[in-house]
Amino acid sequence: MGAQAAFPEPSIRHRPILRPVLGKRAQPWATSSALLGADIVAIFLARAAAVMLWNWFRPAIGLANFLGFWASLGLFVATYAALGLYGSGAFGAVEELRRAVAGATFVCLALTASLFFLQHTGPYSRGLLILSGCLTAAAVPLVRSLARQVFARQNWWGVPVIVLGTGAGAEALIERLRSHPEMGLRPVACLGDESSLQRDCAGVPVAGPLAMARALAAALKVHHALVAMPEVAREDLLWMLDDWDTVFRHVILIPDLFGIASLWVSARDLSGVLGLELRQNLLVPLNRWTKRAVDIAGALILGLLTLPLLAAAATWIRLASRGSVIYCQEREGEGGRSLWMPKLRTMHASAEALLMRVLSSSAQARTEWSRHFKLRKDPRILPGVGPFLRRTSLDELPQLWSVLKGDMSLVGPRPFPRYHLESFGPRFRALRNRVKPGLTGLWQVSDRAEGDLGVQEALDTYYIRNWSLWLDLYILARTVRAVLFPRGAY
């Protein structure tokens, strides 16, 4: 047999270390119910908005069409359930977005086709169904994201998991899950090597050796296991996985490949050998053309919608300070070429002199600047208008012109000044140079100014290696939320 079979299966009945775990448990049924409720609210709001909008074009559309919503609600819920959106397994945000949009598209097409083939004469409209489906595809992911943020800190949110491993890889995994509770994977206990004497792993109690997996899963009624044991020999790990597959319904192996592409990895059978095919989506010409088409359409629409905001902001800046309303700063763009990036001016004309003065007089300011290249209390910022524009990121709106010109993209790694880039290694800078810088990016919607250089590098690397149109749509949706509810920006 393997390494696990060498140990007798111990009892956990009297282990006091697990008593706190039993009192605070994630409840998968409650999590599924919360997501179901969020979907019903989103579908209801989308239908109401569709009826109101379509009524402008066809005044005959009214209450009867809204009541028809209830007939399609069951089909929406059944479709989402079939796609696994109410199951206990955890999807990433981008995969959840893809499934939610796919489900809404299917229901919309099915209902529209049924009206066409059945020649339904009741209070229904094909145009209303299509508009309702489009709004539902947008509303469901947004309301789900809001529900995750609202409920993520509740003890009942998510599913309990057992982490198999207590080494550095397991600690890094637990810390990652703890910093992203919205994912819903809640470690309740760890199992480690027989020789390990540690009582906890990154704050999660270590219940005992790996041989306790079956007894612990039964006692805690846990069906998910995360295997983070890169230090275990391959043959031993294979035997352990064979046993754990009979204990847990879901076993997720975390390989020692942190940082590698994780979204678009395809398993390949190489004559009995598992291979992982990695795809660099941003190197595919069709994907780059699609991204460029979305950039042009999005920049045109956003530019027209935000013209009143730009005019109001420009007037405010002019009243607050003399000088140009817009300034351009040199940044590094695709291929390492220089890029002149326009922004609404949020600083005094003597900004550089003010910065040098505070850095020369404060060691704390120098330390903060070296980590973030930003200051929380920045003397350069214009009072009133400056903090508002920077907190909401509205000072970036002139860059829509750079997007139209093709110098930038709507989504991508943010363009940094050269002094900022010099703090990164050559490999990361070469990776960034493969793509166009973005008006918004994964770092901006995740950590914003709270992320240090390490966070910036990790998130930008993840985006470049895992790009997809779905990921761009997810970041754009998160950007709207970051602008309306700013956090960590200064």
Protein backbone atom coordinates (compact mmCIF):
# COMPACT_ATOMS: atom_id res chain seq x y z
CA MET A 1 0.00 0.00 0.00
CA GLY A 2 1.20 3.56 0.57
CA ALA A 3 2.32 5.84 3.29
CA GLN A 4 -1.15 6.30 4.71
CA ALA A 5 -1.79 2.60 5.16
CA ALA A 6 1.20 2.32 7.50
CA PHE A 7 -0.67 4.15 10.28
CA PRO A 8 -3.73 2.93 12.17
CA GLU A 9 -6.76 5.14 11.87
CA PRO A 10 -7.01 7.01 15.19
CA SER A 11 -10.10 8.30 16.92
CA ILE A 12 -10.79 12.03 17.31
CA ARG A 13 -13.58 11.73 19.84
CA HIS A 14 -11.67 13.37 22.69
CA ARG A 15 -9.47 15.86 20.88
CA PRO A 16 -10.12 19.24 22.59
CA ILE A 17 -8.31 21.12 19.80
CA LEU A 18 -11.32 20.66 17.51
CA ARG A 19 -14.01 21.87 19.91
CA PRO A 20 -13.90 25.50 18.62
CA VAL A 21 -14.36 24.21 15.08
CA LEU A 22 -17.63 22.48 15.88
CA GLY A 23 -19.23 25.71 17.11
CA LYS A 24 -18.51 27.87 14.03
CA ARG A 25 -19.26 26.01 10.87
CA ALA A 26 -19.95 27.07 7.32
CA GLN A 27 -23.34 25.84 6.12
CA PRO A 28 -23.45 24.95 2.39
CA TRP A 29 -27.27 24.90 2.34
CA ALA A 30 -27.40 28.46 3.72
CA THR A 31 -24.85 29.62 1.16
CA SER A 32 -26.80 28.04 -1.69
CA SER A 33 -30.01 29.64 -0.37
CA ALA A 34 -28.34 33.07 -0.23
CA LEU A 35 -27.13 32.74 -3.83
CA LEU A 36 -30.58 31.55 -4.94
CA GLY A 37 -32.16 34.57 -3.26
CA ALA A 38 -29.62 36.87 -4.92
CA ASP A 39 -30.46 35.40 -8.32
CA ILE A 40 -34.20 35.85 -7.79
CA VAL A 41 -33.67 39.50 -6.82
CA ALA A 42 -31.41 40.07 -9.84
CA ILE A 43 -33.84 38.44 -12.28
CA PHE A 44 -36.74 40.40 -10.78
CA LEU A 45 -34.89 43.73 -11.09
CA ALA A 46 -33.74 42.93 -14.63
CA ARG A 47 -37.29 42.09 -15.70
CA ALA A 48 -38.67 45.28 -14.14
CA ALA A 49 -36.01 47.40 -15.81
CA ALA A 50 -36.63 45.69 -19.16
CA VAL A 51 -40.37 46.37 -18.97
CA MET A 52 -39.77 50.03 -18.13
CA LEU A 53 -37.24 50.51 -20.95
CA TRP A 54 -39.27 48.60 -23.56
CA ASN A 55 -42.37 50.57 -22.60
CA TRP A 56 -40.71 53.67 -24.07
CA PHE A 57 -40.66 52.01 -27.48
CA ARG A 58 -43.91 50.08 -27.17
CA PRO A 59 -46.39 51.70 -24.75
CA ALA A 60 -48.57 48.58 -24.91
CA ILE A 61 -45.99 46.77 -22.79
CA GLY A 62 -47.18 46.90 -19.22
CA LEU A 63 -48.14 44.97 -16.11
CA ALA A 64 -49.17 41.79 -17.94
CA ASN A 65 -45.70 41.53 -19.46
CA PHE A 66 -44.09 42.02 -16.08
CA LEU A 67 -46.23 39.28 -14.52
CA GLY A 68 -45.00 36.96 -17.26
CA PHE A 69 -41.68 37.10 -15.42
CA TRP A 70 -42.88 34.44 -12.98
CA ALA A 71 -43.27 31.89 -15.75
CA SER A 72 -39.61 32.25 -16.73
CA LEU A 73 -38.22 32.45 -13.19
CA GLY A 74 -38.40 28.69 -12.71
CA LEU A 75 -36.53 28.13 -15.99
CA PHE A 76 -33.78 30.54 -14.93
CA VAL A 77 -33.34 28.83 -11.56
CA ALA A 78 -33.40 25.34 -13.09
CA THR A 79 -30.81 26.34 -15.70
CA TYR A 80 -28.48 27.87 -13.12
CA ALA A 81 -28.88 24.80 -10.93
CA ALA A 82 -27.98 22.56 -13.89
CA LEU A 83 -24.86 24.68 -14.45
CA GLY A 84 -23.80 24.03 -10.85
CA LEU A 85 -24.25 27.59 -9.61
CA TYR A 86 -26.02 26.42 -6.43
CA GLY A 87 -23.76 23.49 -5.69
CA SER A 88 -21.24 23.36 -2.88
CA GLY A 89 -18.25 23.44 -5.19
CA ALA A 90 -16.44 26.79 -5.41
CA PHE A 91 -16.02 28.55 -8.73
CA GLY A 92 -13.76 31.46 -9.38
CA ALA A 93 -15.47 34.79 -10.06
CA VAL A 94 -14.69 34.65 -13.78
CA GLU A 95 -16.04 31.11 -14.18
CA GLU A 96 -19.17 32.05 -12.24
CA LEU A 97 -19.64 35.04 -14.56
CA ARG A 98 -19.27 32.81 -17.62
CA ARG A 99 -21.85 30.30 -16.37
CA ALA A 100 -24.31 32.98 -15.29
CA VAL A 101 -24.17 34.70 -18.69
CA ALA A 102 -24.39 31.37 -20.52
CA GLY A 103 -27.45 30.41 -18.47
CA ALA A 104 -29.21 33.72 -19.14
CA THR A 105 -28.44 33.43 -22.85
CA PHE A 106 -29.86 29.90 -22.99
CA VAL A 107 -33.09 30.89 -21.22
CA CYS A 108 -33.51 33.97 -23.41
CA LEU A 109 -33.05 31.96 -26.61
CA ALA A 110 -35.33 29.15 -25.38
CA LEU A 111 -38.17 31.51 -24.50
CA THR A 112 -37.80 33.50 -27.72
CA ALA A 113 -37.80 30.31 -29.78
CA SER A 114 -40.89 29.03 -27.96
CA LEU A 115 -42.80 32.20 -28.81
CA PHE A 116 -41.75 31.87 -32.46
CA PHE A 117 -42.67 28.21 -32.88
CA LEU A 118 -45.83 28.25 -30.76
CA GLN A 119 -47.06 31.56 -32.23
CA HIS A 120 -48.00 32.71 -28.74
CA THR A 121 -50.59 35.51 -28.80
CA GLY A 122 -50.54 36.41 -25.10
CA PRO A 123 -48.96 39.46 -23.47
CA TYR A 124 -45.43 38.61 -24.53
CA SER A 125 -42.85 40.38 -26.65
CA ARG A 126 -39.75 38.87 -28.26
CA GLY A 127 -37.93 42.20 -27.96
CA LEU A 128 -38.78 42.35 -24.27
CA LEU A 129 -37.47 38.82 -23.73
CA ILE A 130 -34.18 39.62 -25.45
CA LEU A 131 -33.73 42.86 -23.48
CA SER A 132 -34.69 41.08 -20.27
CA GLY A 133 -32.17 38.34 -20.98
CA CYS A 134 -29.37 40.85 -21.61
CA LEU A 135 -30.13 42.73 -18.40
CA THR A 136 -30.36 39.46 -16.46
CA ALA A 137 -26.95 38.39 -17.79
CA ALA A 138 -25.51 41.62 -16.35
CA ALA A 139 -27.56 41.76 -13.14
CA VAL A 140 -27.05 38.20 -11.87
CA PRO A 141 -23.22 38.36 -11.60
CA LEU A 142 -23.37 41.85 -10.07
CA VAL A 143 -25.96 40.95 -7.42
CA ARG A 144 -24.12 37.69 -6.69
CA SER A 145 -20.90 39.64 -6.18
CA LEU A 146 -22.69 42.01 -3.81
CA ALA A 147 -24.17 39.06 -1.89
CA ARG A 148 -20.73 37.48 -1.54
CA GLN A 149 -19.30 40.71 -0.15
CA VAL A 150 -22.20 41.14 2.27
CA PHE A 151 -22.24 37.55 3.57
CA ALA A 152 -18.57 36.58 3.24
CA ARG A 153 -17.75 37.44 6.87
CA GLN A 154 -20.66 35.45 8.28
CA ASN A 155 -19.77 32.16 10.00
CA TRP A 156 -22.37 30.24 7.96
CA TRP A 157 -21.02 31.35 4.56
CA GLY A 158 -19.24 28.83 2.34
CA VAL A 159 -18.32 25.18 2.74
CA PRO A 160 -16.01 23.65 5.36
CA VAL A 161 -12.81 22.12 4.00
CA ILE A 162 -9.98 20.07 5.47
CA VAL A 163 -6.48 21.02 4.39
CA LEU A 164 -4.23 18.00 3.92
CA GLY A 165 -0.76 19.34 4.60
CA THR A 166 0.85 21.63 7.14
CA GLY A 167 3.89 22.95 5.29
CA ALA A 168 4.62 26.29 3.67
CA GLY A 169 2.32 25.52 0.73
CA ALA A 170 -0.61 24.81 3.07
CA GLU A 171 0.04 28.01 5.03
CA ALA A 172 0.13 30.10 1.84
CA LEU A 173 -3.13 28.47 0.68
CA ILE A 174 -4.91 29.13 3.99
CA GLU A 175 -3.79 32.75 4.04
CA ARG A 176 -5.06 33.18 0.48
CA LEU A 177 -8.47 31.71 1.34
CA ARG A 178 -8.65 33.83 4.48
CA SER A 179 -7.99 37.02 2.52
CA HIS A 180 -10.72 36.07 0.01
CA PRO A 181 -13.63 34.75 2.13
CA GLU A 182 -16.06 35.43 -0.72
CA MET A 183 -14.76 32.25 -2.38
CA GLY A 184 -16.50 30.28 0.37
CA LEU A 185 -13.80 27.70 1.10
CA ARG A 186 -13.44 27.69 4.91
CA PRO A 187 -10.58 25.58 6.33
CA VAL A 188 -11.70 24.02 9.61
CA ALA A 189 -8.79 21.69 10.30
CA CYS A 190 -5.45 20.50 8.94
CA LEU A 191 -3.83 17.10 8.88
CA GLY A 192 -0.09 16.77 8.66
CA ASP A 193 2.86 14.45 8.83
CA GLU A 194 3.00 11.98 11.71
CA SER A 195 6.19 13.59 13.01
CA SER A 196 4.71 17.11 13.08
CA LEU A 197 4.22 18.54 16.57
CA GLN A 198 2.62 21.85 15.55
CA ARG A 199 -0.82 22.65 16.93
CA ASP A 200 -1.94 25.00 14.17
CA CYS A 201 -1.17 25.89 10.57
CA ALA A 202 -1.69 29.59 9.75
CA GLY A 203 -4.23 29.73 12.59
CA VAL A 204 -6.13 26.56 11.60
CA PRO A 205 -5.92 23.74 14.17
CA VAL A 206 -3.86 20.69 13.23
CA ALA A 207 -6.06 17.74 14.20
CA GLY A 208 -3.41 15.06 13.80
CA PRO A 209 -1.72 12.89 11.19
CA LEU A 210 -2.91 12.29 7.65
CA ALA A 211 -4.22 8.86 8.63
CA MET A 212 -7.07 10.61 10.49
CA ALA A 213 -8.62 11.87 7.23
CA ARG A 214 -11.51 9.39 7.14
CA ALA A 215 -12.39 9.73 10.82
CA LEU A 216 -12.09 13.52 10.78
CA ALA A 217 -14.22 13.90 7.65
CA ALA A 218 -16.92 11.71 9.18
CA ALA A 219 -16.85 13.46 12.55
CA LEU A 220 -16.99 16.97 11.07
CA LYS A 221 -19.19 15.99 8.09
CA VAL A 222 -16.76 17.64 5.65
CA HIS A 223 -16.85 16.68 1.97
CA HIS A 224 -14.11 18.94 0.56
CA ALA A 225 -10.36 18.45 0.87
CA LEU A 226 -7.52 20.67 -0.34
CA VAL A 227 -4.25 18.80 -0.79
CA ALA A 228 -1.22 21.08 -0.41
CA MET A 229 1.73 18.73 0.05
CA PRO A 230 4.42 19.46 -2.54
CA GLU A 231 7.07 17.98 -0.24
CA VAL A 232 5.55 14.45 -0.30
CA ALA A 233 7.08 11.87 -2.63
CA ARG A 234 5.07 11.21 -5.79
CA GLU A 235 4.40 7.51 -5.09
CA ASP A 236 3.19 8.21 -1.55
CA LEU A 237 0.95 11.03 -2.76
CA LEU A 238 -0.64 8.78 -5.40
CA TRP A 239 -1.59 6.20 -2.76
CA MET A 240 -2.96 8.91 -0.49
CA LEU A 241 -5.07 10.42 -3.28
CA ASP A 242 -6.55 6.99 -4.03
CA ASP A 243 -7.68 6.72 -0.39
CA TRP A 244 -8.90 10.30 -0.09
CA ASP A 245 -11.04 9.99 -3.22
CA THR A 246 -13.15 7.47 -1.29
CA VAL A 247 -13.41 9.79 1.75
CA PHE A 248 -14.20 13.19 0.21
CA ARG A 249 -16.60 14.06 -2.61
CA HIS A 250 -14.30 16.86 -3.77
CA VAL A 251 -10.51 16.54 -3.62
CA ILE A 252 -8.58 19.50 -5.02
CA LEU A 253 -4.86 19.00 -5.47
CA ILE A 254 -2.80 22.18 -5.20
CA PRO A 255 0.43 21.60 -7.17
CA ASP A 256 3.64 23.40 -6.39
CA LEU A 257 3.08 25.77 -9.33
CA PHE A 258 2.08 29.05 -7.68
CA GLY A 259 1.98 31.85 -10.24
CA ILE A 260 1.42 29.70 -13.33
CA ALA A 261 -1.67 30.26 -15.50
CA SER A 262 -4.71 28.81 -13.71
CA LEU A 263 -7.82 29.89 -15.64
CA TRP A 264 -7.21 28.45 -19.09
CA VAL A 265 -5.43 25.18 -18.38
CA SER A 266 -6.62 22.09 -20.23
CA ALA A 267 -5.94 18.56 -19.07
CA ARG A 268 -4.40 16.33 -21.76
CA ASP A 269 -4.11 12.53 -21.75
CA LEU A 270 -0.65 11.70 -23.07
CA SER A 271 -1.02 7.92 -23.30
CA GLY A 272 -1.88 7.62 -19.63
CA VAL A 273 0.21 10.59 -18.49
CA LEU A 274 -1.57 13.72 -17.28
CA GLY A 275 -0.44 16.85 -19.08
CA LEU A 276 -1.51 20.43 -18.47
CA GLU A 277 -1.74 22.53 -21.62
CA LEU A 278 -1.23 26.23 -20.90
CA ARG A 279 -2.64 28.81 -23.30
CA GLN A 280 -1.35 32.36 -23.58
CA ASN A 281 -4.61 33.83 -24.83
CA LEU A 282 -3.24 37.32 -25.41
CA LEU A 283 -0.82 35.95 -28.01
CA VAL A 284 -3.66 34.65 -30.22
CA PRO A 285 -4.37 37.21 -33.03
CA LEU A 286 -8.16 36.69 -32.94
CA ASN A 287 -8.22 37.38 -29.21
CA ARG A 288 -6.22 40.58 -29.66
CA TRP A 289 -8.60 41.76 -32.42
CA THR A 290 -11.60 40.98 -30.20
CA LYS A 291 -10.06 42.89 -27.33
CA ARG A 292 -9.35 45.85 -29.63
CA ALA A 293 -12.96 45.89 -30.89
CA VAL A 294 -14.26 45.92 -27.31
CA ASP A 295 -11.81 48.73 -26.48
CA ILE A 296 -13.05 50.94 -29.33
CA ALA A 297 -16.75 50.34 -28.62
CA GLY A 298 -16.32 50.77 -24.87
CA ALA A 299 -14.19 53.93 -25.15
CA LEU A 300 -16.70 55.57 -27.50
CA ILE A 301 -19.68 54.80 -25.27
CA LEU A 302 -17.91 55.77 -22.03
CA GLY A 303 -16.50 58.92 -23.63
CA LEU A 304 -19.95 60.17 -24.63
CA LEU A 305 -21.52 59.25 -21.29
CA THR A 306 -18.82 60.94 -19.22
CA LEU A 307 -18.51 64.22 -21.14
CA PRO A 308 -20.64 66.11 -18.55
CA LEU A 309 -18.45 64.71 -15.74
CA LEU A 310 -15.30 65.82 -17.55
CA ALA A 311 -16.67 69.32 -18.02
CA ALA A 312 -17.69 69.60 -14.36
CA ALA A 313 -14.33 68.27 -13.15
CA ALA A 314 -12.41 70.64 -15.42
CA THR A 315 -14.36 73.62 -14.05
CA TRP A 316 -13.69 72.51 -10.45
CA ILE A 317 -9.95 72.14 -11.13
CA ARG A 318 -9.76 75.57 -12.75
CA LEU A 319 -11.46 77.14 -9.73
CA ALA A 320 -9.12 75.34 -7.32
CA SER A 321 -5.81 76.06 -9.04
CA ARG A 322 -4.37 78.02 -11.92
CA GLY A 323 -2.80 76.11 -14.76
CA SER A 324 -3.73 73.45 -17.26
CA VAL A 325 -6.67 71.18 -16.46
CA ILE A 326 -5.03 68.16 -18.11
CA TYR A 327 -1.43 67.09 -17.79
CA CYS A 328 0.49 64.28 -19.50
CA GLN A 329 3.00 62.01 -17.83
CA GLU A 330 5.47 59.73 -19.58
CA ARG A 331 4.87 56.04 -18.90
CA GLU A 332 6.09 52.76 -20.39
CA GLY A 333 3.69 51.15 -22.85
CA GLU A 334 3.54 47.99 -24.95
CA GLY A 335 6.93 46.83 -26.19
CA GLY A 336 8.68 49.21 -23.78
CA ARG A 337 7.76 52.24 -25.92
CA SER A 338 7.20 55.61 -24.26
CA LEU A 339 3.56 56.53 -23.70
CA TRP A 340 2.26 60.01 -22.86
CA MET A 341 -0.70 59.34 -20.58
CA PRO A 342 -3.25 62.18 -20.05
CA LYS A 343 -4.95 62.74 -16.71
CA LEU A 344 -7.07 65.39 -15.06
CA ARG A 345 -4.71 67.42 -12.90
CA THR A 346 -5.20 66.68 -9.19
CA MET A 347 -1.93 68.19 -7.88
CA HIS A 348 -0.45 71.62 -7.34
CA ALA A 349 1.75 73.03 -10.07
CA SER A 350 4.74 72.74 -7.69
CA ALA A 351 4.02 69.05 -6.95
CA GLU A 352 7.59 67.76 -7.39
CA ALA A 353 9.07 70.38 -5.04
CA LEU A 354 6.44 69.58 -2.39
CA LEU A 355 7.19 65.85 -2.68
CA MET A 356 10.94 66.33 -2.30
CA ARG A 357 10.36 68.49 0.75
CA VAL A 358 8.25 65.93 2.60
CA LEU A 359 10.50 62.98 1.65
CA SER A 360 13.61 64.78 2.86
CA SER A 361 12.01 65.64 6.20
CA SER A 362 10.20 62.39 7.10
CA ALA A 363 11.68 58.88 7.31
CA GLN A 364 8.16 57.44 7.62
CA ALA A 365 7.13 59.12 4.36
CA ARG A 366 10.24 57.76 2.61
CA THR A 367 9.38 54.23 3.78
CA GLU A 368 5.77 54.55 2.59
CA TRP A 369 6.92 55.95 -0.76
CA SER A 370 9.42 53.12 -1.29
CA ARG A 371 6.69 50.50 -0.77
CA HIS A 372 3.77 52.04 -2.67
CA PHE A 373 5.12 55.07 -4.57
CA LYS A 374 2.18 56.90 -3.01
CA LEU A 375 1.59 58.82 0.21
CA ARG A 376 -1.61 58.59 2.22
CA LYS A 377 -1.15 62.22 3.32
CA ASP A 378 0.21 63.70 0.10
CA PRO A 379 0.95 67.46 0.25
CA ARG A 380 0.82 67.66 -3.56
CA ILE A 381 -2.94 66.98 -3.82
CA LEU A 382 -5.30 69.86 -4.55
CA PRO A 383 -7.79 70.32 -1.68
CA GLY A 384 -11.34 69.20 -2.36
CA VAL A 385 -11.25 68.26 -6.03
CA GLY A 386 -8.00 66.29 -5.86
CA PRO A 387 -8.99 63.65 -3.26
CA PHE A 388 -12.42 63.24 -4.88
CA LEU A 389 -11.09 62.63 -8.38
CA ARG A 390 -8.36 60.28 -7.18
CA ARG A 391 -10.62 58.31 -4.83
CA THR A 392 -13.18 57.74 -7.59
CA SER A 393 -10.50 57.37 -10.33
CA LEU A 394 -12.35 59.94 -12.45
CA ASP A 395 -9.00 61.66 -13.09
CA GLU A 396 -8.26 58.77 -15.46
CA LEU A 397 -11.12 59.56 -17.87
CA PRO A 398 -8.97 61.44 -20.45
CA GLN A 399 -7.17 58.15 -21.08
CA LEU A 400 -10.21 57.02 -23.04
CA TRP A 401 -8.60 59.01 -25.87
CA SER A 402 -5.44 56.89 -25.49
CA VAL A 403 -7.64 53.78 -25.74
CA LEU A 404 -9.18 55.02 -28.98
CA LYS A 405 -5.72 55.76 -30.41
CA GLY A 406 -4.57 52.23 -29.58
CA ASP A 407 -1.91 53.21 -27.05
CA MET A 408 -3.89 51.69 -24.19
CA SER A 409 -6.65 49.16 -23.55
CA LEU A 410 -9.72 49.42 -21.34
CA VAL A 411 -8.31 46.63 -19.16
CA GLY A 412 -4.68 45.75 -18.59
CA PRO A 413 -1.74 46.38 -16.26
CA ARG A 414 -1.72 50.04 -15.26
CA PRO A 415 1.11 52.03 -16.91
CA PHE A 416 3.73 52.95 -14.31
CA PRO A 417 6.35 55.71 -14.38
CA ARG A 418 9.85 54.46 -15.13
CA TYR A 419 11.04 55.10 -11.55
CA HIS A 420 8.23 52.77 -10.38
CA LEU A 421 9.11 50.07 -12.91
CA GLU A 422 12.76 50.11 -11.84
CA SER A 423 11.68 48.50 -8.56
CA PHE A 424 10.57 45.36 -10.45
CA GLY A 425 12.75 42.65 -11.87
CA PRO A 426 13.56 42.33 -15.60
CA ARG A 427 11.36 39.24 -16.09
CA PHE A 428 8.23 40.97 -14.82
CA ARG A 429 8.94 44.07 -16.88
CA ALA A 430 9.38 41.91 -19.98
CA LEU A 431 6.04 40.19 -19.24
CA ARG A 432 4.26 43.56 -18.87
CA ASN A 433 5.72 44.77 -22.16
CA ARG A 434 3.85 42.03 -24.04
CA VAL A 435 0.48 43.75 -23.58
CA LYS A 436 -1.00 47.24 -23.75
CA PRO A 437 -1.39 49.05 -20.44
CA GLY A 438 -4.97 49.48 -19.25
CA LEU A 439 -7.32 52.19 -18.07
CA THR A 440 -8.25 49.81 -15.26
CA GLY A 441 -6.78 46.52 -14.10
CA LEU A 442 -7.02 43.63 -11.68
CA TRP A 443 -4.81 45.36 -9.13
CA GLN A 444 -7.01 48.48 -9.14
CA VAL A 445 -10.24 46.58 -8.40
CA SER A 446 -8.67 44.25 -5.84
CA ASP A 447 -6.23 46.16 -3.65
CA ARG A 448 -5.84 49.63 -5.17
CA ALA A 449 -3.42 51.80 -3.16
CA GLU A 450 -3.29 49.25 -0.32
CA GLY A 451 -1.29 46.81 -2.45
CA ASP A 452 2.48 47.03 -2.26
CA LEU A 453 4.92 46.19 -5.05
CA GLY A 454 4.61 42.45 -4.42
CA VAL A 455 0.81 42.58 -4.74
CA GLN A 456 1.05 44.68 -7.90
CA GLU A 457 3.43 42.22 -9.51
CA ALA A 458 1.38 39.16 -8.50
CA LEU A 459 -1.95 40.53 -9.77
CA ASP A 460 -0.59 41.94 -13.03
CA THR A 461 1.18 38.64 -13.70
CA TYR A 462 -2.03 36.73 -13.03
CA TYR A 463 -3.99 38.94 -15.44
CA ILE A 464 -1.49 38.60 -18.30
CA ARG A 465 -1.19 34.84 -17.96
CA ASN A 466 -4.92 34.22 -17.51
CA TRP A 467 -6.48 36.78 -19.84
CA SER A 468 -9.88 36.17 -21.38
CA LEU A 469 -12.78 38.34 -22.47
CA TRP A 470 -14.65 37.05 -19.41
CA LEU A 471 -11.86 38.27 -17.14
CA ASP A 472 -11.99 41.70 -18.80
CA LEU A 473 -15.77 41.88 -18.32
CA TYR A 474 -15.36 40.87 -14.68
CA ILE A 475 -12.76 43.60 -14.08
CA LEU A 476 -14.90 46.23 -15.84
CA ALA A 477 -17.87 45.30 -13.64
CA ARG A 478 -15.68 45.50 -10.54
CA THR A 479 -14.39 48.89 -11.74
CA VAL A 480 -17.92 50.32 -11.70
CA ARG A 481 -18.27 49.17 -8.13
CA ALA A 482 -14.82 50.53 -7.18
CA VAL A 483 -15.78 53.96 -8.55
CA LEU A 484 -19.15 54.02 -6.78
CA PHE A 485 -17.81 52.58 -3.50
CA PRO A 486 -14.13 53.63 -3.39
CA ARG A 487 -11.86 51.78 -0.97
CA GLY A 488 -8.11 51.97 -0.58
CA ALA A 489 -7.61 54.76 -3.11
CA TYR A 490 -5.79 57.98 -2.30
